[in-house]
Protein backbone atom coordinates (compact mmCIF):
# COMPACT_ATOMS: atom_id res chain seq x y z
CA MET A 1 -3.65 -38.10 3.07
CA GLY A 2 -4.42 -41.78 3.44
CA ARG A 3 -3.42 -43.92 6.37
CA ASP A 4 -0.72 -45.63 4.30
CA GLU A 5 1.15 -42.32 4.03
CA THR A 6 1.41 -41.94 7.78
CA VAL A 7 3.72 -44.95 8.17
CA LYS A 8 6.60 -43.30 6.27
CA SER A 9 7.79 -41.46 9.37
CA ASP A 10 7.58 -41.86 13.09
CA TRP A 11 6.41 -38.31 13.86
CA PHE A 12 4.68 -35.48 12.04
CA MET A 13 4.11 -31.80 12.68
CA TYR A 14 0.78 -30.74 11.19
CA VAL A 15 -1.14 -27.52 10.71
CA VAL A 16 -4.90 -27.27 10.50
CA ARG A 17 -7.08 -24.36 9.53
CA CYS A 18 -9.95 -23.95 11.96
CA SER A 19 -13.45 -22.89 10.94
CA ASP A 20 -12.72 -19.34 12.16
CA GLY A 21 -9.63 -19.11 9.92
CA THR A 22 -7.06 -19.50 12.68
CA LEU A 23 -4.22 -22.00 12.43
CA TYR A 24 -3.45 -24.73 14.94
CA THR A 25 -0.15 -26.63 14.98
CA GLY A 26 0.54 -29.95 16.68
CA ILE A 27 2.57 -33.15 16.46
CA THR A 28 1.42 -36.74 16.14
CA THR A 29 2.36 -40.20 14.93
CA ASP A 30 -0.83 -40.53 12.88
CA VAL A 31 -2.10 -37.41 11.10
CA THR A 32 -5.36 -38.95 9.88
CA ARG A 33 -6.32 -40.15 13.37
CA ARG A 34 -5.38 -36.81 14.91
CA ILE A 35 -7.47 -34.79 12.45
CA ASP A 36 -10.41 -37.11 13.14
CA GLU A 37 -9.91 -36.49 16.87
CA HIS A 38 -9.85 -32.72 16.34
CA ASN A 39 -13.08 -32.92 14.40
CA GLY A 40 -15.11 -35.38 16.39
CA SER A 41 -13.90 -36.45 19.78
CA LYS A 42 -12.99 -35.20 23.22
CA LYS A 43 -9.36 -36.01 22.37
CA GLY A 44 -9.24 -33.00 20.05
CA ALA A 45 -7.28 -30.04 21.40
CA LYS A 46 -9.11 -27.67 23.69
CA TYR A 47 -8.32 -24.88 21.22
CA THR A 48 -9.86 -26.62 18.21
CA ARG A 49 -13.02 -28.05 19.82
CA PRO A 50 -15.06 -24.81 19.54
CA ARG A 51 -13.52 -24.11 16.11
CA ARG A 52 -14.65 -27.25 14.29
CA PRO A 53 -14.41 -28.39 11.64
CA VAL A 54 -10.67 -28.20 11.11
CA GLU A 55 -8.96 -28.87 7.80
CA LEU A 56 -5.43 -30.19 7.33
CA VAL A 57 -3.40 -27.64 5.34
CA TYR A 58 0.24 -28.66 5.95
CA TRP A 59 2.32 -31.48 7.36
CA ILE A 60 5.98 -32.29 7.70
CA ASP A 61 7.60 -35.57 8.70
CA PHE A 62 10.32 -35.98 11.32
CA HIS A 63 12.43 -38.93 12.44
CA ASP A 64 11.50 -38.73 16.11
CA ARG A 65 9.38 -36.92 18.68
CA SER A 66 12.19 -34.63 19.77
CA THR A 67 12.81 -33.18 16.31
CA ALA A 68 9.06 -32.93 15.67
CA SER A 69 8.66 -30.95 18.91
CA LYS A 70 11.55 -28.68 17.95
CA GLY A 71 10.02 -28.12 14.52
CA GLU A 72 6.66 -27.35 16.10
CA ALA A 73 8.26 -24.86 18.49
CA LYS A 74 10.04 -23.10 15.60
CA PHE A 75 6.85 -22.96 13.56
CA LYS A 76 4.77 -21.62 16.45
CA LYS A 77 7.25 -18.75 16.94
CA LEU A 78 6.73 -17.53 13.37
CA SER A 79 4.31 -14.76 12.51
CA ARG A 80 1.05 -15.75 10.84
CA LYS A 81 2.36 -14.21 7.61
CA GLU A 82 5.51 -16.37 7.71
CA LYS A 83 3.46 -19.49 8.47
CA LEU A 84 1.17 -18.81 5.51
CA ARG A 85 4.16 -18.27 3.23
CA ILE A 86 5.64 -21.63 4.26
CA ILE A 87 2.30 -23.39 3.84
CA SER A 88 1.72 -21.86 0.41
CA GLY A 89 5.25 -22.71 -0.75
CA GLU A 90 6.03 -19.06 -1.60
CA LEU A 91 9.47 -18.96 0.02
CA SER A 92 12.72 -19.24 -1.90
CA ASP A 93 15.43 -21.48 -0.41
CA GLU A 94 17.16 -18.41 1.02
CA ASP A 95 13.96 -17.02 2.54
CA LEU A 96 13.04 -20.41 3.97
CA GLU A 97 16.50 -20.71 5.54
CA ASN A 98 16.13 -17.23 7.07
CA VAL A 99 12.69 -17.99 8.49
CA ILE A 100 13.44 -21.49 9.82
CA GLY A 101 17.05 -20.85 10.80
CA GLY A 102 20.35 -22.50 9.91
CA GLN A 103 19.44 -25.90 8.55
CA THR A 104 21.07 -28.54 6.39
CA ARG A 105 19.83 -28.95 2.81
CA GLU A 106 17.96 -32.09 3.86
CA GLU A 107 16.20 -30.23 6.68
CA LEU A 108 15.26 -27.33 4.38
CA ASP A 109 13.86 -29.76 1.82
CA ARG A 110 11.77 -31.29 4.59
CA TRP A 111 10.12 -27.90 5.19
CA ARG A 112 9.35 -27.51 1.47
CA CYS A 113 5.72 -27.13 0.70
CA LYS A 114 3.58 -30.03 1.77
CA MET A 115 0.41 -28.10 1.27
CA ILE A 116 -2.72 -30.21 1.39
CA ASN A 117 -5.39 -27.66 0.48
CA LYS A 118 -5.38 -24.04 -0.60
CA LEU A 119 -5.71 -21.90 2.49
CA PHE A 120 -8.18 -19.30 1.33
């Protein structure tokens, strides 16, 4: 993802795969900057620092910080298996709605696969 893509939305939820295979989820206004921070600065999350390098595997855009935080909270409550299914784009519309909860069509489309790299 280039920097130009990060200006399309105010806030993003992102998922990175850490070097040990675990997933880390966060929110930011600039995905590229945040991934750089995770990989090379003290501003990276405490969780990811000993698990470098991290690789961006999924992102989703939101209109504001509040909805990004709510999306992050929903995603973090999912099982690892459900997270991987969302990231890989394996879920049907019905399955996605069941996993994420009652959403409008626009919100479900937002969760549609935005996979960056194959996970494994």
